[in-house]
Amino acid sequence: MITHLFFDIGSTLVDETECVEARIREVLKQDGAPPREVFEEKIAEFAVNSLQPVKDAALFFGLVAPPWDSSLERVYPDTAEVLEKLSEKYSLGIIANQSLGGEKRLEERGLRRFFDTVTLSAETGYSKPDPAIFRIALKSAGCRPENAAMIGDRFDNDILPAARLGMTTVRVIRGMFAKYYVIKNGSPPDYTIGELCELTNIF
């Protein structure tokens, strides 16, 4: 029986499209930058194995990606309503790779109130897909893996490590680079959705 739902943040609860687009624009302004089409092909190659495909693609061409600008992130329109409904039946938590201040950003966006636990890489010292960050979150929530589900956009960061621990998995295919995060060396997620509102049909 599922009692706890854990969420990623980027491209799951929060739209990062403009953050990624801003980074790409700044990289392509630099001397020696390739055409956008070529750069995006390299991003796609790196996205298979990299946590930061834009940064790594820039380095490949001898360029520098600017720092991530979290001020450009926007909460998806369906996020608050879905979390409100789910929080009536389940304990909700966060498992996310975030820079320092992630919990404060959730507060500022009006989302912190929905979550009983927030487990972030900057605070724990572990980043997804390291199973340690998942174990920390489960322990903090007092939850066994078989009673938990992980909802996120990346197969490598969210789905695969959660499944290996015995958690139910839901992949949200949205965000600018969703098409790049391919399934490899593992089973597909238990559920695949295109919008967060579809979760209410599952849980």
N, C-alpha and C. Protein backbone atom coordinates (compact mmCIF):
# COMPACT_ATOMS: atom_id res chain seq x y z
N MET A 1 0.84 -1.21 0.00
CA MET A 1 0.00 0.00 0.00
C MET A 1 0.87 1.26 0.00
N ILE A 2 0.62 2.15 -0.93
CA ILE A 2 1.38 3.38 -1.03
C ILE A 2 0.83 4.39 -0.01
N THR A 3 1.74 4.88 0.83
CA THR A 3 1.36 5.89 1.83
C THR A 3 2.12 7.20 1.65
N HIS A 4 3.25 7.14 0.93
CA HIS A 4 4.10 8.33 0.77
C HIS A 4 4.41 8.56 -0.71
N LEU A 5 4.33 9.80 -1.13
CA LEU A 5 4.69 10.19 -2.49
C LEU A 5 5.84 11.19 -2.42
N PHE A 6 6.93 10.87 -3.13
CA PHE A 6 8.09 11.75 -3.18
C PHE A 6 8.22 12.37 -4.57
N PHE A 7 8.56 13.65 -4.61
CA PHE A 7 8.62 14.38 -5.88
C PHE A 7 10.01 14.97 -6.12
N ASP A 8 10.40 14.95 -7.39
CA ASP A 8 11.50 15.78 -7.87
C ASP A 8 10.94 17.20 -7.97
N ILE A 9 11.79 18.18 -8.20
CA ILE A 9 11.31 19.56 -8.35
C ILE A 9 11.35 20.01 -9.81
N GLY A 10 12.56 20.06 -10.39
CA GLY A 10 12.71 20.58 -11.74
C GLY A 10 12.02 19.74 -12.80
N SER A 11 11.25 20.39 -13.66
CA SER A 11 10.50 19.75 -14.75
C SER A 11 9.48 18.74 -14.24
N THR A 12 9.19 18.81 -12.95
CA THR A 12 8.14 17.98 -12.34
C THR A 12 7.12 18.89 -11.67
N LEU A 13 7.58 19.70 -10.73
CA LEU A 13 6.74 20.70 -10.08
C LEU A 13 6.98 22.10 -10.64
N VAL A 14 8.20 22.31 -11.10
CA VAL A 14 8.64 23.63 -11.56
C VAL A 14 9.14 23.56 -12.99
N ASP A 15 8.70 24.50 -13.80
CA ASP A 15 9.10 24.57 -15.21
C ASP A 15 10.46 25.26 -15.32
N GLU A 16 11.44 24.55 -15.84
CA GLU A 16 12.80 25.08 -15.99
C GLU A 16 13.13 25.47 -17.43
N THR A 17 12.12 25.51 -18.27
CA THR A 17 12.37 25.75 -19.69
C THR A 17 13.16 27.03 -19.94
N GLU A 18 12.76 28.12 -19.31
CA GLU A 18 13.43 29.39 -19.55
C GLU A 18 14.85 29.39 -18.98
N CYS A 19 15.07 28.65 -17.90
CA CYS A 19 16.43 28.54 -17.35
C CYS A 19 17.37 27.90 -18.35
N VAL A 20 16.91 26.81 -18.94
CA VAL A 20 17.73 26.10 -19.92
C VAL A 20 17.92 26.95 -21.17
N GLU A 21 16.84 27.59 -21.63
CA GLU A 21 16.90 28.41 -22.82
C GLU A 21 17.88 29.57 -22.63
N ALA A 22 17.86 30.18 -21.45
CA ALA A 22 18.77 31.30 -21.17
C ALA A 22 20.22 30.84 -21.22
N ARG A 23 20.49 29.65 -20.67
CA ARG A 23 21.86 29.12 -20.70
C ARG A 23 22.32 28.89 -22.14
N ILE A 24 21.45 28.30 -22.94
CA ILE A 24 21.81 28.02 -24.33
C ILE A 24 22.09 29.32 -25.08
N ARG A 25 21.22 30.31 -24.89
CA ARG A 25 21.42 31.60 -25.57
C ARG A 25 22.77 32.21 -25.22
N GLU A 26 23.13 32.17 -23.94
CA GLU A 26 24.38 32.78 -23.51
C GLU A 26 25.59 32.02 -24.06
N VAL A 27 25.50 30.71 -24.10
CA VAL A 27 26.59 29.91 -24.66
C VAL A 27 26.79 30.24 -26.14
N LEU A 28 25.69 30.34 -26.87
CA LEU A 28 25.79 30.54 -28.31
C LEU A 28 26.20 31.96 -28.70
N LYS A 29 26.25 32.87 -27.74
CA LYS A 29 26.74 34.22 -28.00
C LYS A 29 28.27 34.27 -28.01
N GLN A 30 28.90 33.26 -27.47
CA GLN A 30 30.35 33.27 -27.31
C GLN A 30 31.07 33.00 -28.64
N ASP A 31 32.26 33.57 -28.76
CA ASP A 31 33.08 33.35 -29.95
C ASP A 31 33.37 31.86 -30.10
N GLY A 32 33.24 31.38 -31.31
CA GLY A 32 33.52 29.98 -31.59
C GLY A 32 32.35 29.05 -31.34
N ALA A 33 31.19 29.61 -31.00
CA ALA A 33 30.02 28.78 -30.75
C ALA A 33 29.52 28.15 -32.04
N PRO A 34 29.07 26.89 -31.99
CA PRO A 34 28.54 26.23 -33.18
C PRO A 34 27.12 26.71 -33.47
N PRO A 35 26.56 26.35 -34.60
CA PRO A 35 25.15 26.64 -34.85
C PRO A 35 24.28 25.96 -33.77
N ARG A 36 23.14 26.55 -33.50
CA ARG A 36 22.29 26.01 -32.44
C ARG A 36 21.95 24.55 -32.68
N GLU A 37 21.67 24.20 -33.92
CA GLU A 37 21.30 22.82 -34.24
C GLU A 37 22.41 21.84 -33.83
N VAL A 38 23.64 22.19 -34.10
CA VAL A 38 24.78 21.35 -33.75
C VAL A 38 24.94 21.28 -32.23
N PHE A 39 24.74 22.41 -31.57
CA PHE A 39 24.88 22.45 -30.12
C PHE A 39 23.81 21.58 -29.45
N GLU A 40 22.59 21.65 -29.95
CA GLU A 40 21.51 20.85 -29.36
C GLU A 40 21.73 19.35 -29.60
N GLU A 41 22.34 19.00 -30.73
CA GLU A 41 22.66 17.59 -30.97
C GLU A 41 23.67 17.10 -29.92
N LYS A 42 24.63 17.95 -29.58
CA LYS A 42 25.63 17.58 -28.58
C LYS A 42 24.99 17.50 -27.18
N ILE A 43 24.05 18.39 -26.90
CA ILE A 43 23.31 18.32 -25.64
C ILE A 43 22.61 16.97 -25.52
N ALA A 44 21.98 16.56 -26.63
CA ALA A 44 21.26 15.28 -26.63
C ALA A 44 22.20 14.11 -26.35
N GLU A 45 23.39 14.17 -26.89
CA GLU A 45 24.38 13.12 -26.65
C GLU A 45 24.79 13.07 -25.18
N PHE A 46 25.06 14.23 -24.61
CA PHE A 46 25.49 14.28 -23.21
C PHE A 46 24.35 13.94 -22.25
N ALA A 47 23.12 14.24 -22.62
CA ALA A 47 21.99 14.03 -21.72
C ALA A 47 21.80 12.57 -21.36
N VAL A 48 22.33 11.67 -22.18
CA VAL A 48 22.18 10.24 -21.90
C VAL A 48 22.90 9.85 -20.61
N ASN A 49 24.04 10.50 -20.35
CA ASN A 49 24.86 10.13 -19.19
C ASN A 49 25.19 11.28 -18.24
N SER A 50 24.82 12.49 -18.59
CA SER A 50 25.26 13.65 -17.83
C SER A 50 24.14 14.26 -17.00
N LEU A 51 24.50 14.74 -15.80
CA LEU A 51 23.53 15.46 -14.97
C LEU A 51 23.37 16.89 -15.45
N GLN A 52 24.35 17.40 -16.20
CA GLN A 52 24.31 18.79 -16.67
C GLN A 52 24.69 18.83 -18.16
N PRO A 53 23.80 18.40 -19.03
CA PRO A 53 24.13 18.27 -20.45
C PRO A 53 24.47 19.58 -21.15
N VAL A 54 23.84 20.70 -20.75
CA VAL A 54 24.16 21.97 -21.40
C VAL A 54 25.57 22.40 -21.02
N LYS A 55 25.91 22.28 -19.77
CA LYS A 55 27.25 22.65 -19.29
C LYS A 55 28.31 21.79 -19.97
N ASP A 56 28.06 20.47 -20.04
CA ASP A 56 29.04 19.58 -20.64
C ASP A 56 29.17 19.79 -22.14
N ALA A 57 28.04 20.10 -22.80
CA ALA A 57 28.10 20.38 -24.23
C ALA A 57 28.90 21.65 -24.49
N ALA A 58 28.72 22.64 -23.63
CA ALA A 58 29.48 23.89 -23.78
C ALA A 58 30.98 23.62 -23.63
N LEU A 59 31.35 22.83 -22.63
CA LEU A 59 32.76 22.50 -22.42
C LEU A 59 33.35 21.76 -23.62
N PHE A 60 32.54 20.92 -24.25
CA PHE A 60 32.99 20.17 -25.42
C PHE A 60 33.47 21.12 -26.52
N PHE A 61 32.78 22.25 -26.66
CA PHE A 61 33.13 23.22 -27.70
C PHE A 61 34.08 24.30 -27.17
N GLY A 62 34.60 24.11 -25.95
CA GLY A 62 35.51 25.09 -25.38
C GLY A 62 34.81 26.35 -24.91
N LEU A 63 33.53 26.22 -24.58
CA LEU A 63 32.72 27.37 -24.15
C LEU A 63 32.33 27.20 -22.69
N VAL A 64 31.71 28.23 -22.15
CA VAL A 64 31.33 28.20 -20.73
C VAL A 64 29.84 28.47 -20.59
N ALA A 65 29.15 27.60 -19.86
CA ALA A 65 27.73 27.82 -19.58
C ALA A 65 27.59 28.71 -18.35
N PRO A 66 26.72 29.70 -18.39
CA PRO A 66 26.54 30.58 -17.23
C PRO A 66 25.89 29.82 -16.08
N PRO A 67 25.98 30.35 -14.87
CA PRO A 67 25.34 29.69 -13.73
C PRO A 67 23.83 29.56 -13.94
N TRP A 68 23.27 28.55 -13.31
CA TRP A 68 21.82 28.32 -13.36
C TRP A 68 21.11 29.49 -12.68
N ASP A 69 20.13 30.06 -13.35
CA ASP A 69 19.38 31.20 -12.80
C ASP A 69 18.02 30.72 -12.32
N SER A 70 17.92 30.39 -11.03
CA SER A 70 16.68 29.84 -10.48
C SER A 70 15.54 30.86 -10.49
N SER A 71 15.85 32.14 -10.67
CA SER A 71 14.79 33.15 -10.71
C SER A 71 13.91 32.99 -11.95
N LEU A 72 14.41 32.25 -12.93
CA LEU A 72 13.64 32.04 -14.16
C LEU A 72 12.72 30.83 -14.07
N GLU A 73 12.80 30.07 -12.99
CA GLU A 73 11.93 28.91 -12.81
C GLU A 73 10.50 29.37 -12.53
N ARG A 74 9.54 28.63 -13.03
CA ARG A 74 8.14 28.96 -12.83
C ARG A 74 7.37 27.71 -12.40
N VAL A 75 6.52 27.85 -11.41
CA VAL A 75 5.71 26.72 -10.97
C VAL A 75 4.69 26.39 -12.06
N TYR A 76 4.59 25.11 -12.41
CA TYR A 76 3.60 24.70 -13.41
C TYR A 76 2.19 25.04 -12.89
N PRO A 77 1.28 25.41 -13.78
CA PRO A 77 -0.07 25.81 -13.36
C PRO A 77 -0.84 24.75 -12.58
N ASP A 78 -0.55 23.48 -12.83
CA ASP A 78 -1.31 22.42 -12.16
C ASP A 78 -0.69 21.96 -10.84
N THR A 79 0.48 22.46 -10.50
CA THR A 79 1.23 21.92 -9.35
C THR A 79 0.49 22.04 -8.03
N ALA A 80 0.11 23.25 -7.65
CA ALA A 80 -0.50 23.46 -6.33
C ALA A 80 -1.80 22.68 -6.17
N GLU A 81 -2.62 22.69 -7.19
CA GLU A 81 -3.91 21.99 -7.09
C GLU A 81 -3.72 20.49 -6.92
N VAL A 82 -2.80 19.92 -7.66
CA VAL A 82 -2.54 18.48 -7.57
C VAL A 82 -1.97 18.12 -6.19
N LEU A 83 -1.01 18.90 -5.73
CA LEU A 83 -0.42 18.63 -4.41
C LEU A 83 -1.46 18.76 -3.31
N GLU A 84 -2.34 19.72 -3.44
CA GLU A 84 -3.41 19.89 -2.44
C GLU A 84 -4.27 18.64 -2.35
N LYS A 85 -4.66 18.10 -3.49
CA LYS A 85 -5.50 16.91 -3.50
C LYS A 85 -4.77 15.69 -2.96
N LEU A 86 -3.52 15.51 -3.39
CA LEU A 86 -2.76 14.34 -2.96
C LEU A 86 -2.42 14.39 -1.48
N SER A 87 -2.20 15.59 -0.95
CA SER A 87 -1.83 15.72 0.46
C SER A 87 -2.98 15.34 1.39
N GLU A 88 -4.18 15.26 0.86
CA GLU A 88 -5.32 14.83 1.67
C GLU A 88 -5.29 13.33 1.95
N LYS A 89 -4.58 12.58 1.10
CA LYS A 89 -4.56 11.12 1.22
C LYS A 89 -3.18 10.55 1.53
N TYR A 90 -2.12 11.31 1.17
CA TYR A 90 -0.76 10.79 1.28
C TYR A 90 0.15 11.77 2.01
N SER A 91 1.22 11.24 2.56
CA SER A 91 2.30 12.07 3.06
C SER A 91 3.20 12.40 1.87
N LEU A 92 3.50 13.67 1.67
CA LEU A 92 4.28 14.09 0.51
C LEU A 92 5.69 14.50 0.93
N GLY A 93 6.64 14.21 0.06
CA GLY A 93 8.03 14.56 0.31
C GLY A 93 8.74 15.00 -0.95
N ILE A 94 9.89 15.59 -0.78
CA ILE A 94 10.74 16.02 -1.90
C ILE A 94 12.06 15.26 -1.85
N ILE A 95 12.51 14.79 -3.01
CA ILE A 95 13.87 14.26 -3.16
C ILE A 95 14.42 14.93 -4.43
N ALA A 96 15.34 15.87 -4.27
CA ALA A 96 15.76 16.65 -5.43
C ALA A 96 17.21 17.10 -5.34
N ASN A 97 17.83 17.22 -6.49
CA ASN A 97 19.15 17.83 -6.60
C ASN A 97 18.93 19.34 -6.72
N GLN A 98 19.28 20.05 -5.67
CA GLN A 98 19.06 21.49 -5.63
C GLN A 98 20.25 22.18 -4.97
N SER A 99 20.52 23.40 -5.41
CA SER A 99 21.55 24.20 -4.76
C SER A 99 21.03 24.69 -3.41
N LEU A 100 21.92 25.24 -2.60
CA LEU A 100 21.52 25.76 -1.29
C LEU A 100 20.37 26.75 -1.43
N GLY A 101 19.45 26.69 -0.50
CA GLY A 101 18.30 27.58 -0.55
C GLY A 101 17.08 26.97 -1.20
N GLY A 102 17.16 25.68 -1.51
CA GLY A 102 16.04 25.03 -2.20
C GLY A 102 14.75 25.04 -1.39
N GLU A 103 14.87 24.82 -0.10
CA GLU A 103 13.66 24.80 0.74
C GLU A 103 13.05 26.19 0.82
N LYS A 104 13.89 27.21 0.89
CA LYS A 104 13.39 28.59 0.90
C LYS A 104 12.67 28.91 -0.40
N ARG A 105 13.19 28.42 -1.52
CA ARG A 105 12.54 28.67 -2.80
C ARG A 105 11.17 27.99 -2.85
N LEU A 106 11.07 26.80 -2.27
CA LEU A 106 9.76 26.15 -2.20
C LEU A 106 8.78 26.99 -1.39
N GLU A 107 9.27 27.56 -0.30
CA GLU A 107 8.44 28.42 0.55
C GLU A 107 7.97 29.64 -0.23
N GLU A 108 8.88 30.27 -0.92
CA GLU A 108 8.55 31.49 -1.68
C GLU A 108 7.54 31.21 -2.79
N ARG A 109 7.55 29.99 -3.30
CA ARG A 109 6.63 29.63 -4.38
C ARG A 109 5.30 29.07 -3.85
N GLY A 110 5.17 29.04 -2.54
CA GLY A 110 3.93 28.56 -1.95
C GLY A 110 3.76 27.06 -1.95
N LEU A 111 4.87 26.32 -2.10
CA LEU A 111 4.79 24.87 -2.20
C LEU A 111 5.26 24.14 -0.94
N ARG A 112 6.05 24.78 -0.11
CA ARG A 112 6.62 24.08 1.05
C ARG A 112 5.56 23.48 1.96
N ARG A 113 4.42 24.13 2.08
CA ARG A 113 3.36 23.71 3.00
C ARG A 113 2.79 22.33 2.69
N PHE A 114 2.98 21.87 1.47
CA PHE A 114 2.42 20.57 1.09
C PHE A 114 3.28 19.39 1.54
N PHE A 115 4.53 19.65 1.92
CA PHE A 115 5.49 18.56 2.12
C PHE A 115 5.84 18.35 3.59
N ASP A 116 5.78 17.08 3.98
CA ASP A 116 6.17 16.70 5.34
C ASP A 116 7.68 16.60 5.47
N THR A 117 8.35 16.20 4.41
CA THR A 117 9.81 16.10 4.42
C THR A 117 10.38 16.68 3.14
N VAL A 118 11.54 17.31 3.26
CA VAL A 118 12.24 17.86 2.09
C VAL A 118 13.69 17.40 2.17
N THR A 119 14.12 16.61 1.20
CA THR A 119 15.47 16.06 1.18
C THR A 119 16.17 16.57 -0.08
N LEU A 120 17.18 17.43 0.13
CA LEU A 120 17.86 18.09 -0.98
C LEU A 120 19.34 17.76 -0.99
N SER A 121 19.91 17.71 -2.18
CA SER A 121 21.32 17.31 -2.33
C SER A 121 22.28 18.26 -1.61
N ALA A 122 22.01 19.55 -1.69
CA ALA A 122 22.93 20.53 -1.10
C ALA A 122 23.03 20.37 0.41
N GLU A 123 21.94 19.94 1.03
CA GLU A 123 21.93 19.80 2.48
C GLU A 123 22.41 18.42 2.94
N THR A 124 22.15 17.38 2.16
CA THR A 124 22.51 16.02 2.58
C THR A 124 23.94 15.64 2.18
N GLY A 125 24.45 16.30 1.14
CA GLY A 125 25.77 15.93 0.64
C GLY A 125 25.72 14.78 -0.36
N TYR A 126 24.52 14.32 -0.69
CA TYR A 126 24.35 13.26 -1.68
C TYR A 126 23.43 13.76 -2.79
N SER A 127 23.76 13.39 -4.02
CA SER A 127 22.95 13.80 -5.16
C SER A 127 22.35 12.59 -5.85
N LYS A 128 21.14 12.73 -6.37
CA LYS A 128 20.60 11.67 -7.21
C LYS A 128 21.50 11.49 -8.42
N PRO A 129 21.74 10.30 -8.85
CA PRO A 129 21.04 9.04 -8.54
C PRO A 129 21.61 8.22 -7.39
N ASP A 130 22.46 8.78 -6.56
CA ASP A 130 22.99 8.05 -5.42
C ASP A 130 21.84 7.55 -4.55
N PRO A 131 21.75 6.25 -4.31
CA PRO A 131 20.64 5.73 -3.50
C PRO A 131 20.63 6.27 -2.08
N ALA A 132 21.76 6.82 -1.62
CA ALA A 132 21.84 7.35 -0.26
C ALA A 132 20.82 8.45 -0.02
N ILE A 133 20.60 9.32 -1.01
CA ILE A 133 19.67 10.42 -0.80
C ILE A 133 18.23 9.90 -0.70
N PHE A 134 17.95 8.82 -1.41
CA PHE A 134 16.62 8.20 -1.30
C PHE A 134 16.44 7.55 0.06
N ARG A 135 17.47 6.90 0.54
CA ARG A 135 17.38 6.24 1.85
C ARG A 135 17.21 7.28 2.97
N ILE A 136 17.91 8.40 2.83
CA ILE A 136 17.76 9.47 3.82
C ILE A 136 16.32 9.98 3.84
N ALA A 137 15.75 10.16 2.66
CA ALA A 137 14.38 10.66 2.57
C ALA A 137 13.39 9.66 3.16
N LEU A 138 13.57 8.39 2.85
CA LEU A 138 12.68 7.36 3.38
C LEU A 138 12.78 7.28 4.90
N LYS A 139 14.00 7.34 5.40
CA LYS A 139 14.19 7.29 6.85
C LYS A 139 13.56 8.50 7.53
N SER A 140 13.74 9.67 6.94
CA SER A 140 13.17 10.89 7.49
C SER A 140 11.65 10.82 7.54
N ALA A 141 11.07 10.17 6.54
CA ALA A 141 9.61 10.06 6.47
C ALA A 141 9.08 8.89 7.27
N GLY A 142 9.97 8.02 7.73
CA GLY A 142 9.54 6.83 8.46
C GLY A 142 8.77 5.88 7.56
N CYS A 143 9.29 5.72 6.35
CA CYS A 143 8.57 4.98 5.31
C CYS A 143 9.45 3.89 4.70
N ARG A 144 8.84 2.74 4.43
CA ARG A 144 9.54 1.66 3.73
C ARG A 144 9.43 1.89 2.22
N PRO A 145 10.44 1.46 1.43
CA PRO A 145 10.40 1.68 -0.02
C PRO A 145 9.13 1.16 -0.69
N GLU A 146 8.65 0.00 -0.25
CA GLU A 146 7.47 -0.58 -0.90
C GLU A 146 6.19 0.21 -0.63
N ASN A 147 6.25 1.14 0.30
CA ASN A 147 5.10 1.98 0.61
C ASN A 147 5.24 3.39 0.03
N ALA A 148 6.23 3.56 -0.85
CA ALA A 148 6.51 4.89 -1.38
C ALA A 148 6.55 4.89 -2.91
N ALA A 149 6.26 6.05 -3.48
CA ALA A 149 6.37 6.25 -4.92
C ALA A 149 7.25 7.46 -5.18
N MET A 150 8.03 7.39 -6.24
CA MET A 150 8.87 8.51 -6.67
C MET A 150 8.35 9.05 -7.98
N ILE A 151 8.13 10.37 -8.03
CA ILE A 151 7.62 11.03 -9.22
C ILE A 151 8.66 12.01 -9.72
N GLY A 152 9.14 11.84 -10.95
CA GLY A 152 10.15 12.73 -11.49
C GLY A 152 10.26 12.62 -12.99
N ASP A 153 11.05 13.51 -13.60
CA ASP A 153 11.12 13.54 -15.06
C ASP A 153 12.27 12.73 -15.64
N ARG A 154 13.31 12.48 -14.82
CA ARG A 154 14.49 11.83 -15.39
C ARG A 154 14.54 10.35 -15.03
N PHE A 155 14.78 9.54 -16.07
CA PHE A 155 14.90 8.10 -15.84
C PHE A 155 16.13 7.79 -15.01
N ASP A 156 17.25 8.44 -15.35
CA ASP A 156 18.51 8.13 -14.68
C ASP A 156 18.54 8.61 -13.23
N ASN A 157 18.01 9.78 -12.97
CA ASN A 157 18.07 10.38 -11.64
C ASN A 157 16.94 9.94 -10.71
N ASP A 158 15.76 9.77 -11.26
CA ASP A 158 14.57 9.55 -10.45
C ASP A 158 14.04 8.12 -10.50
N ILE A 159 13.82 7.62 -11.70
CA ILE A 159 13.13 6.35 -11.87
C ILE A 159 14.01 5.15 -11.53
N LEU A 160 15.17 5.06 -12.13
CA LEU A 160 16.03 3.89 -11.96
C LEU A 160 16.47 3.68 -10.50
N PRO A 161 17.02 4.70 -9.82
CA PRO A 161 17.44 4.46 -8.44
C PRO A 161 16.29 4.15 -7.50
N ALA A 162 15.14 4.79 -7.71
CA ALA A 162 13.98 4.52 -6.86
C ALA A 162 13.47 3.10 -7.07
N ALA A 163 13.43 2.68 -8.32
CA ALA A 163 12.95 1.31 -8.62
C ALA A 163 13.87 0.27 -8.01
N ARG A 164 15.17 0.52 -8.04
CA ARG A 164 16.13 -0.43 -7.48
C ARG A 164 15.96 -0.59 -5.97
N LEU A 165 15.42 0.44 -5.33
CA LEU A 165 15.17 0.36 -3.89
C LEU A 165 13.82 -0.28 -3.58
N GLY A 166 13.00 -0.48 -4.61
CA GLY A 166 11.69 -1.09 -4.40
C GLY A 166 10.54 -0.12 -4.35
N MET A 167 10.78 1.13 -4.76
CA MET A 167 9.72 2.13 -4.78
C MET A 167 8.92 2.04 -6.08
N THR A 168 7.64 2.39 -6.03
CA THR A 168 6.84 2.56 -7.24
C THR A 168 7.34 3.81 -7.94
N THR A 169 7.33 3.81 -9.28
CA THR A 169 7.89 4.95 -10.01
C THR A 169 6.91 5.53 -11.01
N VAL A 170 6.93 6.86 -11.12
CA VAL A 170 6.09 7.58 -12.08
C VAL A 170 6.97 8.59 -12.79
N ARG A 171 7.06 8.48 -14.10
CA ARG A 171 7.86 9.44 -14.87
C ARG A 171 6.93 10.48 -15.50
N VAL A 172 7.27 11.75 -15.27
CA VAL A 172 6.54 12.86 -15.87
C VAL A 172 7.33 13.32 -17.09
N ILE A 173 6.77 13.15 -18.26
CA ILE A 173 7.49 13.54 -19.48
C ILE A 173 7.09 14.95 -19.87
N ARG A 174 7.78 15.90 -19.29
CA ARG A 174 7.59 17.29 -19.67
C ARG A 174 8.86 18.06 -19.33
N GLY A 175 8.95 19.26 -19.85
CA GLY A 175 10.18 20.01 -19.69
C GLY A 175 10.96 19.98 -21.00
N MET A 176 11.83 20.95 -21.16
CA MET A 176 12.51 21.17 -22.43
C MET A 176 13.33 19.97 -22.90
N PHE A 177 13.88 19.19 -21.97
CA PHE A 177 14.76 18.12 -22.37
C PHE A 177 14.23 16.72 -22.04
N ALA A 178 12.93 16.62 -21.84
CA ALA A 178 12.35 15.32 -21.49
C ALA A 178 12.68 14.25 -22.52
N LYS A 179 12.69 14.63 -23.78
CA LYS A 179 12.93 13.65 -24.84
C LYS A 179 14.35 13.09 -24.81
N TYR A 180 15.27 13.79 -24.15
CA TYR A 180 16.65 13.33 -24.12
C TYR A 180 16.92 12.29 -23.04
N TYR A 181 16.08 12.26 -22.00
CA TYR A 181 16.35 11.39 -20.87
C TYR A 181 15.81 10.00 -21.17
N VAL A 182 16.59 9.22 -21.84
CA VAL A 182 16.15 7.93 -22.36
C VAL A 182 16.23 6.84 -21.30
N ILE A 183 15.49 5.76 -21.56
CA ILE A 183 15.54 4.58 -20.70
C ILE A 183 16.70 3.71 -21.15
N LYS A 184 17.55 3.34 -20.21
CA LYS A 184 18.67 2.49 -20.55
C LYS A 184 19.02 1.63 -19.34
N ASN A 185 19.39 0.41 -19.59
CA ASN A 185 19.84 -0.49 -18.53
C ASN A 185 18.88 -0.58 -17.36
N GLY A 186 17.61 -0.67 -17.67
CA GLY A 186 16.63 -0.79 -16.59
C GLY A 186 15.23 -0.93 -17.14
N SER A 187 14.30 -1.21 -16.25
CA SER A 187 12.91 -1.38 -16.66
C SER A 187 12.22 -0.03 -16.76
N PRO A 188 11.19 0.06 -17.59
CA PRO A 188 10.43 1.31 -17.69
C PRO A 188 9.77 1.64 -16.36
N PRO A 189 9.37 2.90 -16.18
CA PRO A 189 8.67 3.27 -14.94
C PRO A 189 7.34 2.52 -14.83
N ASP A 190 6.82 2.43 -13.63
CA ASP A 190 5.52 1.79 -13.44
C ASP A 190 4.41 2.57 -14.14
N TYR A 191 4.54 3.88 -14.15
CA TYR A 191 3.56 4.75 -14.81
C TYR A 191 4.30 5.86 -15.55
N THR A 192 3.73 6.30 -16.65
CA THR A 192 4.26 7.44 -17.39
C THR A 192 3.12 8.42 -17.64
N ILE A 193 3.35 9.68 -17.32
CA ILE A 193 2.32 10.70 -17.49
C ILE A 193 2.91 11.92 -18.20
N GLY A 194 2.03 12.73 -18.76
CA GLY A 194 2.48 13.94 -19.44
C GLY A 194 2.20 15.20 -18.64
N GLU A 195 1.24 15.12 -17.72
CA GLU A 195 0.87 16.25 -16.87
C GLU A 195 0.72 15.76 -15.44
N LEU A 196 1.06 16.62 -14.49
CA LEU A 196 1.00 16.22 -13.08
C LEU A 196 -0.42 15.86 -12.65
N CYS A 197 -1.42 16.49 -13.25
CA CYS A 197 -2.81 16.23 -12.88
C CYS A 197 -3.20 14.77 -13.09
N GLU A 198 -2.46 14.06 -13.94
CA GLU A 198 -2.77 12.65 -14.18
C GLU A 198 -2.47 11.78 -12.95
N LEU A 199 -1.71 12.31 -12.00
CA LEU A 199 -1.41 11.55 -10.80
C LEU A 199 -2.67 11.20 -10.01
N THR A 200 -3.66 12.06 -10.09
CA THR A 200 -4.89 11.81 -9.32
C THR A 200 -5.68 10.63 -9.89
N ASN A 201 -5.33 10.18 -11.08
CA ASN A 201 -5.94 8.98 -11.64
C ASN A 201 -5.18 7.72 -11.22
N ILE A 202 -3.98 7.91 -10.68
CA ILE A 202 -3.14 6.78 -10.27
C ILE A 202 -3.24 6.55 -8.76
N PHE A 203 -3.17 7.64 -8.02
CA PHE A 203 -3.14 7.55 -6.55
C PHE A 203 -4.43 8.11 -5.94
